[in-house]
């Protein structure tokens, strides 16, 4: 089975994001069997996502309402070593930002929303 998700959910180590520990999807799936997790690298372009609207201020514990969010195509700068042809590489991750967080990488060219 191949699952495409954001890099956060594919990380192979638990994360600490505003709480003691956040179990990523890859960590949870490893409890059921073998998982090979690849971190994405790309040359930049645009990605589709949902972000807080500019100027939105949140108080600690405040819920985010739908009118605080904008979903659209957003500019994306390059991610990682994106200066080569598309490829998949398992092991030997040279990018220190990805090493220890993934089993390998997959590199794309430009990305579009």
PDB file of N, CA and C in Angstrom:
ATOM      1  N   UNK A   1       0.841  -1.152   0.000  1.00  0.00           N
ATOM      2  CA  UNK A   1       0.000   0.000   0.000  1.00  0.00           C
ATOM      3  C   UNK A   1       0.901   1.235   0.000  1.00  0.00           C
ATOM      4  N   UNK A   2       0.548   2.211  -0.787  1.00  0.00           N
ATOM      5  CA  UNK A   2       1.264   3.479  -0.812  1.00  0.00           C
ATOM      6  C   UNK A   2       0.315   4.550  -0.282  1.00  0.00           C
ATOM      7  N   UNK A   3       0.803   5.351   0.660  1.00  0.00           N
ATOM      8  CA  UNK A   3       0.015   6.430   1.239  1.00  0.00           C
ATOM      9  C   UNK A   3       0.765   7.728   0.999  1.00  0.00           C
ATOM     10  N   UNK A   4       0.095   8.713   0.417  1.00  0.00           N
ATOM     11  CA  UNK A   4       0.694  10.028   0.211  1.00  0.00           C
ATOM     12  C   UNK A   4       0.102  10.974   1.237  1.00  0.00           C
ATOM     13  N   UNK A   5       0.967  11.557   2.045  1.00  0.00           N
ATOM     14  CA  UNK A   5       0.509  12.511   3.048  1.00  0.00           C
ATOM     15  C   UNK A   5       1.580  13.575   3.240  1.00  0.00           C
ATOM     16  N   UNK A   6       1.309  14.516   4.094  1.00  0.00           N
ATOM     17  CA  UNK A   6       2.295  15.546   4.383  1.00  0.00           C
ATOM     18  C   UNK A   6       3.468  14.979   5.167  1.00  0.00           C
ATOM     19  N   UNK A   7       4.607  15.653   5.093  1.00  0.00           N
ATOM     20  CA  UNK A   7       5.808  15.166   5.762  1.00  0.00           C
ATOM     21  C   UNK A   7       5.623  14.952   7.258  1.00  0.00           C
ATOM     22  N   UNK A   8       4.837  15.784   7.919  1.00  0.00           N
ATOM     23  CA  UNK A   8       4.641  15.640   9.356  1.00  0.00           C
ATOM     24  C   UNK A   8       4.116  14.248   9.697  1.00  0.00           C
ATOM     25  N   UNK A   9       3.104  13.789   8.977  1.00  0.00           N
ATOM     26  CA  UNK A   9       2.480  12.498   9.270  1.00  0.00           C
ATOM     27  C   UNK A   9       3.367  11.319   8.888  1.00  0.00           C
ATOM     28  N   UNK A  10       4.347  11.551   8.021  1.00  0.00           N
ATOM     29  CA  UNK A  10       5.217  10.470   7.567  1.00  0.00           C
ATOM     30  C   UNK A  10       6.472  10.310   8.421  1.00  0.00           C
ATOM     31  N   UNK A  11       6.685  11.190   9.386  1.00  0.00           N
ATOM     32  CA  UNK A  11       7.895  11.109  10.201  1.00  0.00           C
ATOM     33  C   UNK A  11       7.901   9.830  11.028  1.00  0.00           C
ATOM     34  N   UNK A  12       9.079   9.232  11.156  1.00  0.00           N
ATOM     35  CA  UNK A  12       9.205   7.931  11.817  1.00  0.00           C
ATOM     36  C   UNK A  12       9.543   8.028  13.299  1.00  0.00           C
ATOM     37  N   UNK A  13       9.579   9.227  13.848  1.00  0.00           N
ATOM     38  CA  UNK A  13       9.831   9.418  15.273  1.00  0.00           C
ATOM     39  C   UNK A  13       8.714  10.260  15.862  1.00  0.00           C
ATOM     40  N   UNK A  14       8.315   9.970  17.099  1.00  0.00           N
ATOM     41  CA  UNK A  14       7.291  10.812  17.725  1.00  0.00           C
ATOM     42  C   UNK A  14       7.762  12.256  17.797  1.00  0.00           C
ATOM     43  N   UNK A  15       6.823  13.187  17.733  1.00  0.00           N
ATOM     44  CA  UNK A  15       7.128  14.611  17.753  1.00  0.00           C
ATOM     45  C   UNK A  15       6.570  15.255  19.013  1.00  0.00           C
ATOM     46  N   UNK A  16       7.122  16.376  19.362  1.00  0.00           N
ATOM     47  CA  UNK A  16       6.589  17.184  20.444  1.00  0.00           C
ATOM     48  C   UNK A  16       6.104  18.488  19.831  1.00  0.00           C
ATOM     49  N   UNK A  17       4.772  18.639  19.731  1.00  0.00           N
ATOM     50  CA  UNK A  17       4.186  19.844  19.131  1.00  0.00           C
ATOM     51  C   UNK A  17       3.153  20.390  20.114  1.00  0.00           C
ATOM     52  N   UNK A  18       3.590  21.203  21.035  1.00  0.00           N
ATOM     53  CA  UNK A  18       2.663  21.807  21.979  1.00  0.00           C
ATOM     54  C   UNK A  18       2.068  20.835  22.982  1.00  0.00           C
ATOM     55  N   UNK A  19       2.528  19.610  22.974  1.00  0.00           N
ATOM     56  CA  UNK A  19       2.077  18.625  23.945  1.00  0.00           C
ATOM     57  C   UNK A  19       3.259  17.681  24.173  1.00  0.00           C
ATOM     58  N   UNK A  20       3.201  16.857  25.188  1.00  0.00           N
ATOM     59  CA  UNK A  20       4.369  16.017  25.478  1.00  0.00           C
ATOM     60  C   UNK A  20       4.846  15.174  24.289  1.00  0.00           C
ATOM     61  N   UNK A  21       3.944  14.514  23.587  1.00  0.00           N
ATOM     62  CA  UNK A  21       4.356  13.702  22.447  1.00  0.00           C
ATOM     63  C   UNK A  21       3.187  13.504  21.498  1.00  0.00           C
ATOM     64  N   UNK A  22       3.479  13.625  20.211  1.00  0.00           N
ATOM     65  CA  UNK A  22       2.477  13.452  19.165  1.00  0.00           C
ATOM     66  C   UNK A  22       2.900  12.240  18.356  1.00  0.00           C
ATOM     67  N   UNK A  23       2.046  11.228  18.293  1.00  0.00           N
ATOM     68  CA  UNK A  23       2.364  10.017  17.546  1.00  0.00           C
ATOM     69  C   UNK A  23       1.973  10.225  16.083  1.00  0.00           C
ATOM     70  N   UNK A  24       2.958  10.224  15.209  1.00  0.00           N
ATOM     71  CA  UNK A  24       2.685  10.406  13.784  1.00  0.00           C
ATOM     72  C   UNK A  24       2.019   9.164  13.203  1.00  0.00           C
ATOM     73  N   UNK A  25       1.451   9.312  12.009  1.00  0.00           N
ATOM     74  CA  UNK A  25       0.832   8.177  11.344  1.00  0.00           C
ATOM     75  C   UNK A  25       1.851   7.067  11.091  1.00  0.00           C
ATOM     76  N   UNK A  26       3.064   7.441  10.655  1.00  0.00           N
ATOM     77  CA  UNK A  26       4.091   6.433  10.366  1.00  0.00           C
ATOM     78  C   UNK A  26       4.475   5.666  11.625  1.00  0.00           C
ATOM     79  N   UNK A  27       4.596   6.354  12.754  1.00  0.00           N
ATOM     80  CA  UNK A  27       4.917   5.674  14.017  1.00  0.00           C
ATOM     81  C   UNK A  27       3.804   4.699  14.371  1.00  0.00           C
ATOM     82  N   UNK A  28       2.563   5.146  14.244  1.00  0.00           N
ATOM     83  CA  UNK A  28       1.438   4.268  14.583  1.00  0.00           C
ATOM     84  C   UNK A  28       1.375   3.060  13.652  1.00  0.00           C
ATOM     85  N   UNK A  29       1.555   3.277  12.338  1.00  0.00           N
ATOM     86  CA  UNK A  29       1.492   2.164  11.390  1.00  0.00           C
ATOM     87  C   UNK A  29       2.618   1.158  11.604  1.00  0.00           C
ATOM     88  N   UNK A  30       3.776   1.615  12.064  1.00  0.00           N
ATOM     89  CA  UNK A  30       4.885   0.690  12.345  1.00  0.00           C
ATOM     90  C   UNK A  30       4.526  -0.304  13.433  1.00  0.00           C
ATOM     91  N   UNK A  31       3.538   0.010  14.246  1.00  0.00           N
ATOM     92  CA  UNK A  31       3.066  -0.933  15.255  1.00  0.00           C
ATOM     93  C   UNK A  31       2.351  -2.131  14.649  1.00  0.00           C
ATOM     94  N   UNK A  32       1.977  -2.019  13.365  1.00  0.00           N
ATOM     95  CA  UNK A  32       1.241  -3.086  12.687  1.00  0.00           C
ATOM     96  C   UNK A  32       2.066  -3.819  11.643  1.00  0.00           C
ATOM     97  N   UNK A  33       3.236  -3.308  11.324  1.00  0.00           N
ATOM     98  CA  UNK A  33       4.051  -3.956  10.291  1.00  0.00           C
ATOM     99  C   UNK A  33       5.130  -3.024   9.773  1.00  0.00           C
ATOM    100  N   UNK A  34       5.747  -3.424   8.680  1.00  0.00           N
ATOM    101  CA  UNK A  34       6.847  -2.674   8.097  1.00  0.00           C
ATOM    102  C   UNK A  34       6.332  -1.429   7.386  1.00  0.00           C
ATOM    103  N   UNK A  35       7.001  -0.316   7.633  1.00  0.00           N
ATOM    104  CA  UNK A  35       6.674   0.960   6.988  1.00  0.00           C
ATOM    105  C   UNK A  35       7.958   1.564   6.458  1.00  0.00           C
ATOM    106  N   UNK A  36       7.946   1.999   5.222  1.00  0.00           N
ATOM    107  CA  UNK A  36       9.061   2.736   4.628  1.00  0.00           C
ATOM    108  C   UNK A  36       8.566   4.163   4.413  1.00  0.00           C
ATOM    109  N   UNK A  37       9.184   5.104   5.094  1.00  0.00           N
ATOM    110  CA  UNK A  37       8.720   6.482   5.054  1.00  0.00           C
ATOM    111  C   UNK A  37       9.713   7.349   4.289  1.00  0.00           C
ATOM    112  N   UNK A  38       9.193   8.102   3.306  1.00  0.00           N
ATOM    113  CA  UNK A  38      10.027   8.961   2.470  1.00  0.00           C
ATOM    114  C   UNK A  38       9.652  10.420   2.673  1.00  0.00           C
ATOM    115  N   UNK A  39      10.648  11.266   2.902  1.00  0.00           N
ATOM    116  CA  UNK A  39      10.436  12.705   3.015  1.00  0.00           C
ATOM    117  C   UNK A  39      10.522  13.345   1.640  1.00  0.00           C
ATOM    118  N   UNK A  40       9.598  14.249   1.346  1.00  0.00           N
ATOM    119  CA  UNK A  40       9.556  14.872   0.027  1.00  0.00           C
ATOM    120  C   UNK A  40      10.530  16.054  -0.065  1.00  0.00           C
ATOM    121  N   UNK A  41      11.188  16.159  -1.196  1.00  0.00           N
ATOM    122  CA  UNK A  41      12.006  17.312  -1.552  1.00  0.00           C
ATOM    123  C   UNK A  41      11.494  17.820  -2.894  1.00  0.00           C
ATOM    124  N   UNK A  42      11.480  19.151  -3.073  1.00  0.00           N
ATOM    125  CA  UNK A  42      11.010  19.688  -4.345  1.00  0.00           C
ATOM    126  C   UNK A  42      11.700  21.007  -4.641  1.00  0.00           C
ATOM    127  N   UNK A  43      11.542  21.461  -5.868  1.00  0.00           N
ATOM    128  CA  UNK A  43      12.228  22.665  -6.342  1.00  0.00           C
ATOM    129  C   UNK A  43      11.446  23.951  -6.075  1.00  0.00           C
ATOM    130  N   UNK A  44      10.283  23.841  -5.442  1.00  0.00           N
ATOM    131  CA  UNK A  44       9.465  25.021  -5.171  1.00  0.00           C
ATOM    132  C   UNK A  44       8.325  25.140  -6.165  1.00  0.00           C
ATOM    133  N   UNK A  45       7.514  26.140  -5.982  1.00  0.00           N
ATOM    134  CA  UNK A  45       6.351  26.358  -6.849  1.00  0.00           C
ATOM    135  C   UNK A  45       5.187  26.811  -5.995  1.00  0.00           C
ATOM    136  N   UNK A  46       4.105  26.007  -5.988  1.00  0.00           N
ATOM    137  CA  UNK A  46       2.969  26.323  -5.135  1.00  0.00           C
ATOM    138  C   UNK A  46       2.338  25.036  -4.630  1.00  0.00           C
ATOM    139  N   UNK A  47       1.775  25.121  -3.432  1.00  0.00           N
ATOM    140  CA  UNK A  47       1.097  23.979  -2.829  1.00  0.00           C
ATOM    141  C   UNK A  47      -0.296  24.409  -2.386  1.00  0.00           C
ATOM    142  N   UNK A  48      -1.199  23.434  -2.309  1.00  0.00           N
ATOM    143  CA  UNK A  48      -2.548  23.699  -1.833  1.00  0.00           C
ATOM    144  C   UNK A  48      -2.561  23.430  -0.341  1.00  0.00           C
ATOM    145  N   UNK A  49      -3.165  24.329   0.408  1.00  0.00           N
ATOM    146  CA  UNK A  49      -3.246  24.119   1.843  1.00  0.00           C
ATOM    147  C   UNK A  49      -4.230  25.075   2.481  1.00  0.00           C
ATOM    148  N   UNK A  50      -4.409  24.900   3.774  1.00  0.00           N
ATOM    149  CA  UNK A  50      -5.268  25.767   4.561  1.00  0.00           C
ATOM    150  C   UNK A  50      -4.407  26.427   5.625  1.00  0.00           C
ATOM    151  N   UNK A  51      -4.488  27.746   5.722  1.00  0.00           N
ATOM    152  CA  UNK A  51      -3.692  28.518   6.665  1.00  0.00           C
ATOM    153  C   UNK A  51      -4.579  29.527   7.372  1.00  0.00           C
ATOM    154  N   UNK A  52      -4.092  29.982   8.528  1.00  0.00           N
ATOM    155  CA  UNK A  52      -4.805  31.067   9.205  1.00  0.00           C
ATOM    156  C   UNK A  52      -4.794  32.303   8.314  1.00  0.00           C
ATOM    157  N   UNK A  53      -5.897  33.011   8.271  1.00  0.00           N
ATOM    158  CA  UNK A  53      -5.950  34.261   7.504  1.00  0.00           C
ATOM    159  C   UNK A  53      -4.963  35.255   8.112  1.00  0.00           C
ATOM    160  N   UNK A  54      -4.307  36.069   7.251  1.00  0.00           N
ATOM    161  CA  UNK A  54      -3.368  37.073   7.774  1.00  0.00           C
ATOM    162  C   UNK A  54      -4.032  37.954   8.831  1.00  0.00           C
ATOM    163  N   UNK A  55      -3.297  38.235   9.885  1.00  0.00           N
ATOM    164  CA  UNK A  55      -3.806  39.083  10.956  1.00  0.00           C
ATOM    165  C   UNK A  55      -4.601  38.356  12.024  1.00  0.00           C
ATOM    166  N   UNK A  56      -4.854  37.057  11.834  1.00  0.00           N
ATOM    167  CA  UNK A  56      -5.603  36.293  12.832  1.00  0.00           C
ATOM    168  C   UNK A  56      -4.744  36.099  14.073  1.00  0.00           C
ATOM    169  N   UNK A  57      -5.269  36.472  15.212  1.00  0.00           N
ATOM    170  CA  UNK A  57      -4.585  36.299  16.498  1.00  0.00           C
ATOM    171  C   UNK A  57      -5.372  35.289  17.320  1.00  0.00           C
ATOM    172  N   UNK A  58      -4.679  34.295  17.826  1.00  0.00           N
ATOM    173  CA  UNK A  58      -5.328  33.282  18.650  1.00  0.00           C
ATOM    174  C   UNK A  58      -4.842  33.377  20.087  1.00  0.00           C
ATOM    175  N   UNK A  59      -5.771  33.236  21.022  1.00  0.00           N
ATOM    176  CA  UNK A  59      -5.417  33.146  22.434  1.00  0.00           C
ATOM    177  C   UNK A  59      -5.179  31.673  22.756  1.00  0.00           C
ATOM    178  N   UNK A  60      -4.363  31.419  23.759  1.00  0.00           N
ATOM    179  CA  UNK A  60      -4.068  30.054  24.182  1.00  0.00           C
ATOM    180  C   UNK A  60      -5.374  29.316  24.464  1.00  0.00           C
ATOM    181  N   UNK A  61      -5.565  28.181  23.834  1.00  0.00           N
ATOM    182  CA  UNK A  61      -6.762  27.375  24.026  1.00  0.00           C
ATOM    183  C   UNK A  61      -7.951  27.772  23.168  1.00  0.00           C
ATOM    184  N   UNK A  62      -7.851  28.860  22.410  1.00  0.00           N
ATOM    185  CA  UNK A  62      -8.960  29.301  21.564  1.00  0.00           C
ATOM    186  C   UNK A  62      -9.134  28.354  20.389  1.00  0.00           C
ATOM    187  N   UNK A  63     -10.386  27.996  20.098  1.00  0.00           N
ATOM    188  CA  UNK A  63     -10.664  27.143  18.948  1.00  0.00           C
ATOM    189  C   UNK A  63     -10.537  27.947  17.659  1.00  0.00           C
ATOM    190  N   UNK A  64     -10.088  27.267  16.610  1.00  0.00           N
ATOM    191  CA  UNK A  64      -9.967  27.897  15.294  1.00  0.00           C
ATOM    192  C   UNK A  64     -11.281  27.664  14.553  1.00  0.00           C
ATOM    193  N   UNK A  65     -11.942  28.740  14.170  1.00  0.00           N
ATOM    194  CA  UNK A  65     -13.199  28.629  13.431  1.00  0.00           C
ATOM    195  C   UNK A  65     -12.920  28.669  11.928  1.00  0.00           C
ATOM    196  N   UNK A  66     -13.891  28.230  11.147  1.00  0.00           N
ATOM    197  CA  UNK A  66     -13.709  28.158   9.702  1.00  0.00           C
ATOM    198  C   UNK A  66     -13.482  29.531   9.071  1.00  0.00           C
ATOM    199  N   UNK A  67     -14.024  30.593   9.669  1.00  0.00           N
ATOM    200  CA  UNK A  67     -13.817  31.921   9.088  1.00  0.00           C
ATOM    201  C   UNK A  67     -12.408  32.465   9.352  1.00  0.00           C
ATOM    202  N   UNK A  68     -11.627  31.780  10.185  1.00  0.00           N
ATOM    203  CA  UNK A  68     -10.233  32.167  10.452  1.00  0.00           C
ATOM    204  C   UNK A  68      -9.258  31.534   9.459  1.00  0.00           C
ATOM    205  N   UNK A  69      -9.761  30.621   8.641  1.00  0.00           N
ATOM    206  CA  UNK A  69      -8.920  29.819   7.759  1.00  0.00           C
ATOM    207  C   UNK A  69      -9.122  30.223   6.304  1.00  0.00           C
ATOM    208  N   UNK A  70      -8.054  30.198   5.540  1.00  0.00           N
ATOM    209  CA  UNK A  70      -8.124  30.411   4.092  1.00  0.00           C
ATOM    210  C   UNK A  70      -7.485  29.203   3.421  1.00  0.00           C
ATOM    211  N   UNK A  71      -8.220  28.540   2.546  1.00  0.00           N
ATOM    212  CA  UNK A  71      -7.704  27.402   1.790  1.00  0.00           C
ATOM    213  C   UNK A  71      -7.489  27.847   0.349  1.00  0.00           C
ATOM    214  N   UNK A  72      -6.262  27.669  -0.140  1.00  0.00           N
ATOM    215  CA  UNK A  72      -5.916  28.152  -1.483  1.00  0.00           C
ATOM    216  C   UNK A  72      -4.548  27.621  -1.879  1.00  0.00           C
ATOM    217  N   UNK A  73      -4.110  28.017  -3.060  1.00  0.00           N
ATOM    218  CA  UNK A  73      -2.737  27.739  -3.510  1.00  0.00           C
ATOM    219  C   UNK A  73      -1.830  28.783  -2.872  1.00  0.00           C
ATOM    220  N   UNK A  74      -0.737  28.340  -2.273  1.00  0.00           N
ATOM    221  CA  UNK A  74       0.225  29.234  -1.628  1.00  0.00           C
ATOM    222  C   UNK A  74       1.603  29.011  -2.231  1.00  0.00           C
ATOM    223  N   UNK A  75       2.412  30.076  -2.331  1.00  0.00           N
ATOM    224  CA  UNK A  75       3.778  29.905  -2.828  1.00  0.00           C
ATOM    225  C   UNK A  75       4.566  28.965  -1.922  1.00  0.00           C
ATOM    226  N   UNK A  76       5.420  28.169  -2.530  1.00  0.00           N
ATOM    227  CA  UNK A  76       6.251  27.230  -1.767  1.00  0.00           C
ATOM    228  C   UNK A  76       7.696  27.360  -2.231  1.00  0.00           C
ATOM    229  N   UNK A  77       8.570  27.611  -1.302  1.00  0.00           N
ATOM    230  CA  UNK A  77       9.995  27.649  -1.622  1.00  0.00           C
ATOM    231  C   UNK A  77      10.539  26.241  -1.760  1.00  0.00           C
ATOM    232  N   UNK A  78      11.756  26.099  -2.244  1.00  0.00           N
ATOM    233  CA  UNK A  78      12.344  24.769  -2.390  1.00  0.00           C
ATOM    234  C   UNK A  78      12.455  24.053  -1.049  1.00  0.00           C
ATOM    235  N   UNK A  79      12.313  22.758  -1.069  1.00  0.00           N
ATOM    236  CA  UNK A  79      12.444  21.911   0.115  1.00  0.00           C
ATOM    237  C   UNK A  79      13.591  20.950  -0.104  1.00  0.00           C
ATOM    238  N   UNK A  80      14.639  21.072   0.663  1.00  0.00           N
ATOM    239  CA  UNK A  80      15.742  20.122   0.604  1.00  0.00           C
ATOM    240  C   UNK A  80      16.567  20.238  -0.663  1.00  0.00           C
ATOM    241  N   UNK A  81      17.350  19.208  -0.927  1.00  0.00           N
ATOM    242  CA  UNK A  81      18.234  19.159  -2.096  1.00  0.00           C
ATOM    243  C   UNK A  81      17.391  18.865  -3.327  1.00  0.00           C
ATOM    244  N   UNK A  82      16.904  19.912  -3.960  1.00  0.00           N
ATOM    245  CA  UNK A  82      15.948  19.734  -5.060  1.00  0.00           C
ATOM    246  C   UNK A  82      16.563  20.038  -6.422  1.00  0.00           C
ATOM    247  N   UNK A  83      17.879  20.074  -6.489  1.00  0.00           N
ATOM    248  CA  UNK A  83      18.541  20.522  -7.717  1.00  0.00           C
ATOM    249  C   UNK A  83      18.944  19.386  -8.647  1.00  0.00           C
ATOM    250  N   UNK A  84      18.271  18.278  -8.583  1.00  0.00           N
ATOM    251  CA  UNK A  84      18.590  17.168  -9.474  1.00  0.00           C
ATOM    252  C   UNK A  84      17.332  16.603 -10.089  1.00  0.00           C
ATOM    253  N   UNK A  85      17.465  15.521 -10.828  1.00  0.00           N
ATOM    254  CA  UNK A  85      16.288  14.911 -11.452  1.00  0.00           C
ATOM    255  C   UNK A  85      15.411  14.228 -10.400  1.00  0.00           C
ATOM    256  N   UNK A  86      14.129  14.021 -10.721  1.00  0.00           N
ATOM    257  CA  UNK A  86      13.271  13.283  -9.789  1.00  0.00           C
ATOM    258  C   UNK A  86      13.883  11.915  -9.480  1.00  0.00           C
ATOM    259  N   UNK A  87      13.819  11.529  -8.215  1.00  0.00           N
ATOM    260  CA  UNK A  87      14.356  10.223  -7.823  1.00  0.00           C
ATOM    261  C   UNK A  87      13.848   9.829  -6.444  1.00  0.00           C
ATOM    262  N   UNK A  88      13.950   8.539  -6.155  1.00  0.00           N
ATOM    263  CA  UNK A  88      13.663   8.002  -4.827  1.00  0.00           C
ATOM    264  C   UNK A  88      14.961   7.425  -4.306  1.00  0.00           C
ATOM    265  N   UNK A  89      15.281   7.748  -3.048  1.00  0.00           N
ATOM    266  CA  UNK A  89      16.504   7.246  -2.440  1.00  0.00           C
ATOM    267  C   UNK A  89      16.168   6.758  -1.036  1.00  0.00           C
ATOM    268  N   UNK A  90      16.546   5.512  -0.741  1.00  0.00           N
ATOM    269  CA  UNK A  90      16.315   4.951   0.585  1.00  0.00           C
ATOM    270  C   UNK A  90      17.651   4.883   1.310  1.00  0.00           C
ATOM    271  N   UNK A  91      17.672   5.391   2.547  1.00  0.00           N
ATOM    272  CA  UNK A  91      18.889   5.394   3.355  1.00  0.00           C
ATOM    273  C   UNK A  91      19.837   6.503   2.939  1.00  0.00           C
ATOM    274  N   UNK A  92      20.880   6.691   3.715  1.00  0.00           N
ATOM    275  CA  UNK A  92      21.928   7.658   3.393  1.00  0.00           C
ATOM    276  C   UNK A  92      21.425   9.065   3.173  1.00  0.00           C
ATOM    277  N   UNK A  93      20.579   9.565   4.037  1.00  0.00           N
ATOM    278  CA  UNK A  93      20.016  10.908   3.870  1.00  0.00           C
ATOM    279  C   UNK A  93      21.061  11.945   4.252  1.00  0.00           C
ATOM    280  N   UNK A  94      21.457  12.755   3.285  1.00  0.00           N
ATOM    281  CA  UNK A  94      22.475  13.777   3.524  1.00  0.00           C
ATOM    282  C   UNK A  94      21.887  15.039   4.153  1.00  0.00           C
ATOM    283  N   UNK A  95      20.628  15.341   3.879  1.00  0.00           N
ATOM    284  CA  UNK A  95      19.986  16.555   4.387  1.00  0.00           C
ATOM    285  C   UNK A  95      19.734  16.394   5.888  1.00  0.00           C
ATOM    286  N   UNK A  96      20.425  17.172   6.719  1.00  0.00           N
ATOM    287  CA  UNK A  96      20.315  17.036   8.172  1.00  0.00           C
ATOM    288  C   UNK A  96      18.900  17.312   8.687  1.00  0.00           C
ATOM    289  N   UNK A  97      18.094  18.056   7.916  1.00  0.00           N
ATOM    290  CA  UNK A  97      16.721  18.331   8.346  1.00  0.00           C
ATOM    291  C   UNK A  97      15.825  17.102   8.205  1.00  0.00           C
ATOM    292  N   UNK A  98      16.222  16.150   7.366  1.00  0.00           N
ATOM    293  CA  UNK A  98      15.406  14.957   7.140  1.00  0.00           C
ATOM    294  C   UNK A  98      15.987  13.708   7.791  1.00  0.00           C
ATOM    295  N   UNK A  99      17.299  13.685   8.024  1.00  0.00           N
ATOM    296  CA  UNK A  99      17.961  12.513   8.604  1.00  0.00           C
ATOM    297  C   UNK A  99      17.355  12.201   9.972  1.00  0.00           C
ATOM    298  N   UNK A 100      17.065  10.921  10.216  1.00  0.00           N
ATOM    299  CA  UNK A 100      16.466  10.503  11.472  1.00  0.00           C
ATOM    300  C   UNK A 100      14.960  10.692  11.521  1.00  0.00           C
ATOM    301  N   UNK A 101      14.408  11.412  10.564  1.00  0.00           N
ATOM    302  CA  UNK A 101      12.964  11.640  10.529  1.00  0.00           C
ATOM    303  C   UNK A 101      12.270  10.779   9.477  1.00  0.00           C
ATOM    304  N   UNK A 102      13.041  10.278   8.500  1.00  0.00           N
ATOM    305  CA  UNK A 102      12.498   9.467   7.405  1.00  0.00           C
ATOM    306  C   UNK A 102      13.490   8.363   7.073  1.00  0.00           C
ATOM    307  N   UNK A 103      13.009   7.346   6.367  1.00  0.00           N
ATOM    308  CA  UNK A 103      13.874   6.257   5.919  1.00  0.00           C
ATOM    309  C   UNK A 103      14.587   6.608   4.623  1.00  0.00           C
ATOM    310  N   UNK A 104      14.079   7.570   3.894  1.00  0.00           N
ATOM    311  CA  UNK A 104      14.655   7.974   2.614  1.00  0.00           C
ATOM    312  C   UNK A 104      13.954   9.225   2.123  1.00  0.00           C
ATOM    313  N   UNK A 105      14.194   9.562   0.868  1.00  0.00           N
ATOM    314  CA  UNK A 105      13.606  10.763   0.283  1.00  0.00           C
ATOM    315  C   UNK A 105      13.060  10.473  -1.109  1.00  0.00           C
ATOM    316  N   UNK A 106      12.103  11.285  -1.531  1.00  0.00           N
ATOM    317  CA  UNK A 106      11.725  11.298  -2.941  1.00  0.00           C
ATOM    318  C   UNK A 106      11.765  12.738  -3.390  1.00  0.00           C
ATOM    319  N   UNK A 107      12.416  12.952  -4.507  1.00  0.00           N
ATOM    320  CA  UNK A 107      12.656  14.298  -5.019  1.00  0.00           C
ATOM    321  C   UNK A 107      11.825  14.537  -6.266  1.00  0.00           C
ATOM    322  N   UNK A 108      11.165  15.691  -6.288  1.00  0.00           N
ATOM    323  CA  UNK A 108      10.350  16.111  -7.424  1.00  0.00           C
ATOM    324  C   UNK A 108      10.977  17.354  -8.023  1.00  0.00           C
ATOM    325  N   UNK A 109      10.500  17.770  -9.151  1.00  0.00           N
ATOM    326  CA  UNK A 109      10.898  19.061  -9.717  1.00  0.00           C
ATOM    327  C   UNK A 109      10.010  20.133  -9.103  1.00  0.00           C
ATOM    328  N   UNK A 110       9.481  21.018  -9.942  1.00  0.00           N
ATOM    329  CA  UNK A 110       8.562  22.057  -9.485  1.00  0.00           C
ATOM    330  C   UNK A 110       7.257  21.408  -9.043  1.00  0.00           C
ATOM    331  N   UNK A 111       6.621  22.007  -8.043  1.00  0.00           N
ATOM    332  CA  UNK A 111       5.318  21.509  -7.590  1.00  0.00           C
ATOM    333  C   UNK A 111       4.241  22.545  -7.900  1.00  0.00           C
ATOM    334  N   UNK A 112       3.029  22.059  -8.148  1.00  0.00           N
ATOM    335  CA  UNK A 112       1.908  22.942  -8.413  1.00  0.00           C
ATOM    336  C   UNK A 112       0.717  22.495  -7.582  1.00  0.00           C
ATOM    337  N   UNK A 113      -0.114  23.450  -7.238  1.00  0.00           N
ATOM    338  CA  UNK A 113      -1.317  23.142  -6.459  1.00  0.00           C
ATOM    339  C   UNK A 113      -2.325  22.425  -7.346  1.00  0.00           C
TER     340      UNK A 113
END
